[in-house]
Amino acid sequence: MSKKFNRLVEEINPLLDKIDNDYSKDEIDSLLAAINQSIAAISERVSILENQNTEGGED
């Protein structure tokens, strides 16, 4: 997992630099809000799937 995480960080860092250079603070704030909404939706979906797997395992 650590290698995958490190690779992800290596891929994200240039994007962060690009965002810092190409976007205003308001645009970055808007982007962060959208990312946070996406993370919340993904977390909710993972939780639903985990619950389904748990319920299925009890049969």
PDB file of N, CA and C in Angstrom:
ATOM      1  N   MET A   1       0.830  -1.198   0.000  1.00  0.00           N
ATOM      2  CA  MET A   1       0.000   0.000   0.000  1.00  0.00           C
ATOM      3  C   MET A   1       0.870   1.257   0.000  1.00  0.00           C
ATOM      4  N   SER A   2       1.994   1.200   0.671  1.00  0.00           N
ATOM      5  CA  SER A   2       2.857   2.361   0.768  1.00  0.00           C
ATOM      6  C   SER A   2       3.396   2.778  -0.603  1.00  0.00           C
ATOM      7  N   LYS A   3       3.763   1.807  -1.443  1.00  0.00           N
ATOM      8  CA  LYS A   3       4.271   2.136  -2.771  1.00  0.00           C
ATOM      9  C   LYS A   3       3.191   2.807  -3.604  1.00  0.00           C
ATOM     10  N   LYS A   4       1.968   2.307  -3.510  1.00  0.00           N
ATOM     11  CA  LYS A   4       0.862   2.910  -4.260  1.00  0.00           C
ATOM     12  C   LYS A   4       0.615   4.337  -3.776  1.00  0.00           C
ATOM     13  N   PHE A   5       0.658   4.523  -2.470  1.00  0.00           N
ATOM     14  CA  PHE A   5       0.433   5.855  -1.912  1.00  0.00           C
ATOM     15  C   PHE A   5       1.525   6.813  -2.368  1.00  0.00           C
ATOM     16  N   ASN A   6       2.778   6.362  -2.318  1.00  0.00           N
ATOM     17  CA  ASN A   6       3.888   7.216  -2.747  1.00  0.00           C
ATOM     18  C   ASN A   6       3.764   7.584  -4.218  1.00  0.00           C
ATOM     19  N   ARG A   7       3.353   6.629  -5.034  1.00  0.00           N
ATOM     20  CA  ARG A   7       3.177   6.910  -6.461  1.00  0.00           C
ATOM     21  C   ARG A   7       2.068   7.940  -6.661  1.00  0.00           C
ATOM     22  N   LEU A   8       0.991   7.808  -5.898  1.00  0.00           N
ATOM     23  CA  LEU A   8      -0.108   8.763  -5.986  1.00  0.00           C
ATOM     24  C   LEU A   8       0.358  10.164  -5.605  1.00  0.00           C
ATOM     25  N   VAL A   9       1.134  10.264  -4.537  1.00  0.00           N
ATOM     26  CA  VAL A   9       1.660  11.565  -4.109  1.00  0.00           C
ATOM     27  C   VAL A   9       2.542  12.157  -5.204  1.00  0.00           C
ATOM     28  N   GLU A  10       3.377  11.315  -5.822  1.00  0.00           N
ATOM     29  CA  GLU A  10       4.248  11.791  -6.901  1.00  0.00           C
ATOM     30  C   GLU A  10       3.428  12.322  -8.087  1.00  0.00           C
ATOM     31  N   GLU A  11       2.285  11.706  -8.342  1.00  0.00           N
ATOM     32  CA  GLU A  11       1.431  12.148  -9.444  1.00  0.00           C
ATOM     33  C   GLU A  11       0.650  13.408  -9.082  1.00  0.00           C
ATOM     34  N   ILE A  12       0.287  13.544  -7.820  1.00  0.00           N
ATOM     35  CA  ILE A  12      -0.536  14.672  -7.391  1.00  0.00           C
ATOM     36  C   ILE A  12       0.282  15.952  -7.225  1.00  0.00           C
ATOM     37  N   ASN A  13       1.516  15.848  -6.759  1.00  0.00           N
ATOM     38  CA  ASN A  13       2.307  17.055  -6.486  1.00  0.00           C
ATOM     39  C   ASN A  13       2.422  17.997  -7.682  1.00  0.00           C
ATOM     40  N   PRO A  14       2.714  17.517  -8.890  1.00  0.00           N
ATOM     41  CA  PRO A  14       2.754  18.458 -10.029  1.00  0.00           C
ATOM     42  C   PRO A  14       1.398  19.118 -10.296  1.00  0.00           C
ATOM     43  N   LEU A  15       0.323  18.382 -10.044  1.00  0.00           N
ATOM     44  CA  LEU A  15      -0.999  18.975 -10.222  1.00  0.00           C
ATOM     45  C   LEU A  15      -1.239  20.083  -9.205  1.00  0.00           C
ATOM     46  N   LEU A  16      -0.787  19.868  -7.975  1.00  0.00           N
ATOM     47  CA  LEU A  16      -0.934  20.900  -6.953  1.00  0.00           C
ATOM     48  C   LEU A  16      -0.150  22.151  -7.325  1.00  0.00           C
ATOM     49  N   ASP A  17       1.063  21.951  -7.842  1.00  0.00           N
ATOM     50  CA  ASP A  17       1.858  23.101  -8.286  1.00  0.00           C
ATOM     51  C   ASP A  17       1.141  23.850  -9.400  1.00  0.00           C
ATOM     52  N   LYS A  18       0.562  23.123 -10.336  1.00  0.00           N
ATOM     53  CA  LYS A  18      -0.165  23.747 -11.445  1.00  0.00           C
ATOM     54  C   LYS A  18      -1.363  24.540 -10.914  1.00  0.00           C
ATOM     55  N   ILE A  19      -2.084  23.957  -9.975  1.00  0.00           N
ATOM     56  CA  ILE A  19      -3.244  24.642  -9.396  1.00  0.00           C
ATOM     57  C   ILE A  19      -2.797  25.933  -8.717  1.00  0.00           C
ATOM     58  N   ASP A  20      -1.723  25.861  -7.932  1.00  0.00           N
ATOM     59  CA  ASP A  20      -1.222  27.059  -7.242  1.00  0.00           C
ATOM     60  C   ASP A  20      -0.852  28.162  -8.224  1.00  0.00           C
ATOM     61  N   ASN A  21      -0.289  27.769  -9.352  1.00  0.00           N
ATOM     62  CA  ASN A  21       0.187  28.760 -10.321  1.00  0.00           C
ATOM     63  C   ASN A  21      -0.910  29.274 -11.243  1.00  0.00           C
ATOM     64  N   ASP A  22      -1.915  28.468 -11.523  1.00  0.00           N
ATOM     65  CA  ASP A  22      -2.888  28.806 -12.565  1.00  0.00           C
ATOM     66  C   ASP A  22      -4.249  29.279 -12.052  1.00  0.00           C
ATOM     67  N   TYR A  23      -4.513  29.146 -10.753  1.00  0.00           N
ATOM     68  CA  TYR A  23      -5.849  29.453 -10.255  1.00  0.00           C
ATOM     69  C   TYR A  23      -5.796  30.438  -9.094  1.00  0.00           C
ATOM     70  N   SER A  24      -6.860  31.238  -8.990  1.00  0.00           N
ATOM     71  CA  SER A  24      -6.973  32.192  -7.882  1.00  0.00           C
ATOM     72  C   SER A  24      -7.412  31.456  -6.616  1.00  0.00           C
ATOM     73  N   LYS A  25      -7.327  32.147  -5.487  1.00  0.00           N
ATOM     74  CA  LYS A  25      -7.735  31.552  -4.212  1.00  0.00           C
ATOM     75  C   LYS A  25      -9.202  31.125  -4.258  1.00  0.00           C
ATOM     76  N   ASP A  26     -10.053  31.949  -4.836  1.00  0.00           N
ATOM     77  CA  ASP A  26     -11.475  31.604  -4.919  1.00  0.00           C
ATOM     78  C   ASP A  26     -11.698  30.357  -5.765  1.00  0.00           C
ATOM     79  N   GLU A  27     -10.956  30.251  -6.861  1.00  0.00           N
ATOM     80  CA  GLU A  27     -11.080  29.065  -7.706  1.00  0.00           C
ATOM     81  C   GLU A  27     -10.589  27.824  -6.964  1.00  0.00           C
ATOM     82  N   ILE A  28      -9.508  27.968  -6.212  1.00  0.00           N
ATOM     83  CA  ILE A  28      -8.978  26.847  -5.434  1.00  0.00           C
ATOM     84  C   ILE A  28      -9.980  26.452  -4.351  1.00  0.00           C
ATOM     85  N   ASP A  29     -10.567  27.425  -3.683  1.00  0.00           N
ATOM     86  CA  ASP A  29     -11.572  27.130  -2.660  1.00  0.00           C
ATOM     87  C   ASP A  29     -12.757  26.376  -3.260  1.00  0.00           C
ATOM     88  N   SER A  30     -13.186  26.779  -4.439  1.00  0.00           N
ATOM     89  CA  SER A  30     -14.289  26.113  -5.127  1.00  0.00           C
ATOM     90  C   SER A  30     -13.897  24.678  -5.495  1.00  0.00           C
ATOM     91  N   LEU A  31     -12.678  24.511  -5.979  1.00  0.00           N
ATOM     92  CA  LEU A  31     -12.181  23.185  -6.317  1.00  0.00           C
ATOM     93  C   LEU A  31     -12.125  22.295  -5.078  1.00  0.00           C
ATOM     94  N   LEU A  32     -11.647  22.830  -3.973  1.00  0.00           N
ATOM     95  CA  LEU A  32     -11.581  22.057  -2.727  1.00  0.00           C
ATOM     96  C   LEU A  32     -12.975  21.649  -2.248  1.00  0.00           C
ATOM     97  N   ALA A  33     -13.931  22.540  -2.398  1.00  0.00           N
ATOM     98  CA  ALA A  33     -15.307  22.210  -2.012  1.00  0.00           C
ATOM     99  C   ALA A  33     -15.834  21.058  -2.859  1.00  0.00           C
ATOM    100  N   ALA A  34     -15.552  21.088  -4.156  1.00  0.00           N
ATOM    101  CA  ALA A  34     -15.987  20.010  -5.041  1.00  0.00           C
ATOM    102  C   ALA A  34     -15.294  18.692  -4.678  1.00  0.00           C
ATOM    103  N   ILE A  35     -14.003  18.773  -4.371  1.00  0.00           N
ATOM    104  CA  ILE A  35     -13.264  17.563  -3.972  1.00  0.00           C
ATOM    105  C   ILE A  35     -13.841  17.003  -2.681  1.00  0.00           C
ATOM    106  N   ASN A  36     -14.130  17.864  -1.726  1.00  0.00           N
ATOM    107  CA  ASN A  36     -14.694  17.404  -0.459  1.00  0.00           C
ATOM    108  C   ASN A  36     -16.052  16.731  -0.662  1.00  0.00           C
ATOM    109  N   GLN A  37     -16.862  17.264  -1.565  1.00  0.00           N
ATOM    110  CA  GLN A  37     -18.150  16.635  -1.870  1.00  0.00           C
ATOM    111  C   GLN A  37     -17.935  15.259  -2.489  1.00  0.00           C
ATOM    112  N   SER A  38     -16.955  15.160  -3.369  1.00  0.00           N
ATOM    113  CA  SER A  38     -16.656  13.873  -3.998  1.00  0.00           C
ATOM    114  C   SER A  38     -16.178  12.861  -2.967  1.00  0.00           C
ATOM    115  N   ILE A  39     -15.320  13.299  -2.063  1.00  0.00           N
ATOM    116  CA  ILE A  39     -14.819  12.409  -1.015  1.00  0.00           C
ATOM    117  C   ILE A  39     -15.968  11.940  -0.131  1.00  0.00           C
ATOM    118  N   ALA A  40     -16.869  12.838   0.210  1.00  0.00           N
ATOM    119  CA  ALA A  40     -18.017  12.466   1.034  1.00  0.00           C
ATOM    120  C   ALA A  40     -18.881  11.436   0.313  1.00  0.00           C
ATOM    121  N   ALA A  41     -19.099  11.631  -0.980  1.00  0.00           N
ATOM    122  CA  ALA A  41     -19.909  10.681  -1.751  1.00  0.00           C
ATOM    123  C   ALA A  41     -19.221   9.319  -1.831  1.00  0.00           C
ATOM    124  N   ILE A  42     -17.917   9.321  -2.034  1.00  0.00           N
ATOM    125  CA  ILE A  42     -17.167   8.060  -2.087  1.00  0.00           C
ATOM    126  C   ILE A  42     -17.219   7.368  -0.732  1.00  0.00           C
ATOM    127  N   SER A  43     -17.023   8.116   0.332  1.00  0.00           N
ATOM    128  CA  SER A  43     -17.066   7.539   1.678  1.00  0.00           C
ATOM    129  C   SER A  43     -18.423   6.919   1.977  1.00  0.00           C
ATOM    130  N   GLU A  44     -19.472   7.619   1.562  1.00  0.00           N
ATOM    131  CA  GLU A  44     -20.824   7.099   1.769  1.00  0.00           C
ATOM    132  C   GLU A  44     -21.018   5.797   0.999  1.00  0.00           C
ATOM    133  N   ARG A  45     -20.542   5.770  -0.237  1.00  0.00           N
ATOM    134  CA  ARG A  45     -20.675   4.561  -1.066  1.00  0.00           C
ATOM    135  C   ARG A  45     -19.878   3.400  -0.475  1.00  0.00           C
ATOM    136  N   VAL A  46     -18.679   3.668   0.007  1.00  0.00           N
ATOM    137  CA  VAL A  46     -17.864   2.624   0.634  1.00  0.00           C
ATOM    138  C   VAL A  46     -18.571   2.082   1.870  1.00  0.00           C
ATOM    139  N   SER A  47     -19.147   2.974   2.648  1.00  0.00           N
ATOM    140  CA  SER A  47     -19.871   2.551   3.848  1.00  0.00           C
ATOM    141  C   SER A  47     -21.049   1.643   3.486  1.00  0.00           C
ATOM    142  N   ILE A  48     -21.785   2.019   2.442  1.00  0.00           N
ATOM    143  CA  ILE A  48     -22.914   1.198   1.990  1.00  0.00           C
ATOM    144  C   ILE A  48     -22.423  -0.174   1.550  1.00  0.00           C
ATOM    145  N   LEU A  49     -21.349  -0.206   0.772  1.00  0.00           N
ATOM    146  CA  LEU A  49     -20.813  -1.482   0.305  1.00  0.00           C
ATOM    147  C   LEU A  49     -20.305  -2.333   1.455  1.00  0.00           C
ATOM    148  N   GLU A  50     -19.654  -1.709   2.431  1.00  0.00           N
ATOM    149  CA  GLU A  50     -19.179  -2.452   3.612  1.00  0.00           C
ATOM    150  C   GLU A  50     -20.359  -3.051   4.369  1.00  0.00           C
ATOM    151  N   ASN A  51     -21.430  -2.280   4.513  1.00  0.00           N
ATOM    152  CA  ASN A  51     -22.607  -2.786   5.215  1.00  0.00           C
ATOM    153  C   ASN A  51     -23.241  -3.944   4.459  1.00  0.00           C
ATOM    154  N   GLN A  52     -23.288  -3.834   3.141  1.00  0.00           N
ATOM    155  CA  GLN A  52     -23.844  -4.925   2.329  1.00  0.00           C
ATOM    156  C   GLN A  52     -22.993  -6.179   2.470  1.00  0.00           C
ATOM    157  N   ASN A  53     -21.676  -6.022   2.470  1.00  0.00           N
ATOM    158  CA  ASN A  53     -20.786  -7.170   2.612  1.00  0.00           C
ATOM    159  C   ASN A  53     -20.930  -7.804   3.989  1.00  0.00           C
ATOM    160  N   THR A  54     -21.087  -6.980   5.012  1.00  0.00           N
ATOM    161  CA  THR A  54     -21.266  -7.498   6.370  1.00  0.00           C
ATOM    162  C   THR A  54     -22.579  -8.257   6.486  1.00  0.00           C
ATOM    163  N   GLU A  55     -23.638  -7.685   5.933  1.00  0.00           N
ATOM    164  CA  GLU A  55     -24.950  -8.332   5.996  1.00  0.00           C
ATOM    165  C   GLU A  55     -24.941  -9.644   5.203  1.00  0.00           C
ATOM    166  N   GLY A  56     -24.258  -9.647   4.069  1.00  0.00           N
ATOM    167  CA  GLY A  56     -24.183 -10.841   3.257  1.00  0.00           C
ATOM    168  C   GLY A  56     -23.382 -11.940   3.910  1.00  0.00           C
ATOM    169  N   GLY A  57     -22.407 -11.572   4.736  1.00  0.00           N
ATOM    170  CA  GLY A  57     -21.567 -12.555   5.384  1.00  0.00           C
ATOM    171  C   GLY A  57     -22.221 -13.248   6.559  1.00  0.00           C
ATOM    172  N   GLU A  58     -23.330 -12.707   7.036  1.00  0.00           N
ATOM    173  CA  GLU A  58     -23.998 -13.282   8.211  1.00  0.00           C
ATOM    174  C   GLU A  58     -24.970 -14.384   7.840  1.00  0.00           C
ATOM    175  N   ASP A  59     -25.286 -14.523   6.552  1.00  0.00           N
ATOM    176  CA  ASP A  59     -26.278 -15.524   6.146  1.00  0.00           C
ATOM    177  C   ASP A  59     -25.810 -16.904   6.345  1.00  0.00           C
TER     178      ASP A  59
END
